[in-house]
């Protein structure tokens, strides 16, 4: 088994937990003028797309960046939680790329 695949498997439980925390933020966020039901559904679809890509061992920066933009409509606690989780996932992607280049 190659190093990237091993690292991907090692990171998977943490990545799943981070993506779940993002989904949890979407569920508890009260509706606002900008955080509408439509926006929440868009965010959930992006998070699921990111999870699906992760499970297929594909790096999906488009969904990651779009999700980062969508989460600006959350309250402060939601933004901080989601941004931290998204930054961690981005860091995992970087680690995977570094191992594949190494």
Protein backbone atom coordinates (compact mmCIF):
# COMPACT_ATOMS: atom_id res chain seq x y z
CA UNK A 1 0.00 0.00 0.00
CA UNK A 2 1.42 3.39 -0.90
CA UNK A 3 2.10 6.16 1.61
CA UNK A 4 -0.71 8.42 0.40
CA UNK A 5 -3.32 5.71 0.80
CA UNK A 6 -2.03 4.84 4.29
CA UNK A 7 -2.07 8.50 5.35
CA UNK A 8 -5.53 8.97 3.84
CA UNK A 9 -6.85 6.06 5.89
CA UNK A 10 -5.21 7.42 9.03
CA UNK A 11 -6.77 10.85 8.52
CA UNK A 12 -10.24 9.58 7.61
CA UNK A 13 -11.72 9.33 11.14
CA UNK A 14 -10.64 12.90 11.90
CA UNK A 15 -11.85 14.20 8.54
CA UNK A 16 -15.23 12.55 9.11
CA UNK A 17 -15.47 14.09 12.58
CA UNK A 18 -14.60 17.53 11.19
CA UNK A 19 -17.19 17.24 8.44
CA UNK A 20 -19.77 16.12 10.99
CA UNK A 21 -19.03 19.16 13.16
CA UNK A 22 -19.60 21.35 10.10
CA UNK A 23 -22.95 19.63 9.45
CA UNK A 24 -23.87 20.11 13.12
CA UNK A 25 -23.23 23.85 12.79
CA UNK A 26 -25.66 24.00 9.91
CA UNK A 27 -28.34 22.25 11.93
CA UNK A 28 -28.13 24.48 15.01
CA UNK A 29 -27.78 27.79 13.19
CA UNK A 30 -30.98 29.78 13.52
CA UNK A 31 -32.33 31.29 10.32
CA UNK A 32 -31.32 34.87 9.62
CA UNK A 33 -31.70 37.27 6.74
CA UNK A 34 -28.68 35.69 5.05
CA UNK A 35 -28.73 32.17 6.52
CA UNK A 36 -31.88 30.98 4.82
CA UNK A 37 -33.14 27.44 4.40
CA UNK A 38 -31.88 27.56 0.82
CA UNK A 39 -28.41 28.60 2.01
CA UNK A 40 -28.41 25.84 4.65
CA UNK A 41 -29.30 23.23 2.03
CA UNK A 42 -26.56 24.53 -0.27
CA UNK A 43 -24.04 24.26 2.57
CA UNK A 44 -25.18 20.75 3.44
CA UNK A 45 -24.84 19.65 -0.20
CA UNK A 46 -21.32 21.06 -0.35
CA UNK A 47 -20.34 19.33 2.88
CA UNK A 48 -21.73 16.04 1.58
CA UNK A 49 -19.87 16.51 -1.70
CA UNK A 50 -16.69 17.11 0.26
CA UNK A 51 -17.33 13.96 2.34
CA UNK A 52 -18.01 11.95 -0.81
CA UNK A 53 -14.80 13.20 -2.41
CA UNK A 54 -12.86 12.40 0.74
CA UNK A 55 -14.24 8.86 0.79
CA UNK A 56 -13.18 8.44 -2.85
CA UNK A 57 -9.72 9.70 -1.90
CA UNK A 58 -10.05 12.77 -4.10
CA UNK A 59 -9.03 16.29 -3.16
CA UNK A 60 -11.95 18.65 -3.78
CA UNK A 61 -10.68 22.20 -3.32
CA UNK A 62 -13.63 23.68 -5.22
CA UNK A 63 -16.14 22.41 -2.65
CA UNK A 64 -13.82 23.37 0.18
CA UNK A 65 -13.48 26.99 -1.00
CA UNK A 66 -17.16 27.34 -1.87
CA UNK A 67 -18.14 25.98 1.52
CA UNK A 68 -15.80 28.47 3.15
CA UNK A 69 -17.64 31.28 1.36
CA UNK A 70 -21.09 29.94 2.24
CA UNK A 71 -20.25 29.69 5.95
CA UNK A 72 -19.74 33.45 6.19
CA UNK A 73 -23.50 33.67 6.73
CA UNK A 74 -23.34 31.74 10.01
CA UNK A 75 -23.21 33.39 13.42
CA UNK A 76 -19.80 33.96 15.01
CA UNK A 77 -19.68 30.61 16.81
CA UNK A 78 -20.66 28.79 13.62
CA UNK A 79 -18.13 30.67 11.52
CA UNK A 80 -15.31 29.90 13.95
CA UNK A 81 -16.22 26.23 14.23
CA UNK A 82 -16.62 25.75 10.48
CA UNK A 83 -13.54 27.73 9.55
CA UNK A 84 -11.41 25.75 11.99
CA UNK A 85 -12.73 22.47 10.59
CA UNK A 86 -12.27 23.60 6.98
CA UNK A 87 -8.72 24.77 7.70
CA UNK A 88 -7.94 21.40 9.26
CA UNK A 89 -9.29 19.57 6.21
CA UNK A 90 -7.26 21.87 3.97
CA UNK A 91 -4.21 20.99 6.05
CA UNK A 92 -4.94 17.30 5.52
CA UNK A 93 -5.11 17.88 1.77
CA UNK A 94 -1.75 19.65 1.92
CA UNK A 95 -0.21 16.76 3.85
CA UNK A 96 -1.52 14.28 1.30
CA UNK A 97 -0.07 16.29 -1.58
CA UNK A 98 3.29 16.58 0.20
CA UNK A 99 3.44 12.81 0.74
CA UNK A 100 2.52 12.14 -2.87
CA UNK A 101 5.24 14.54 -4.07
CA UNK A 102 7.81 13.17 -1.69
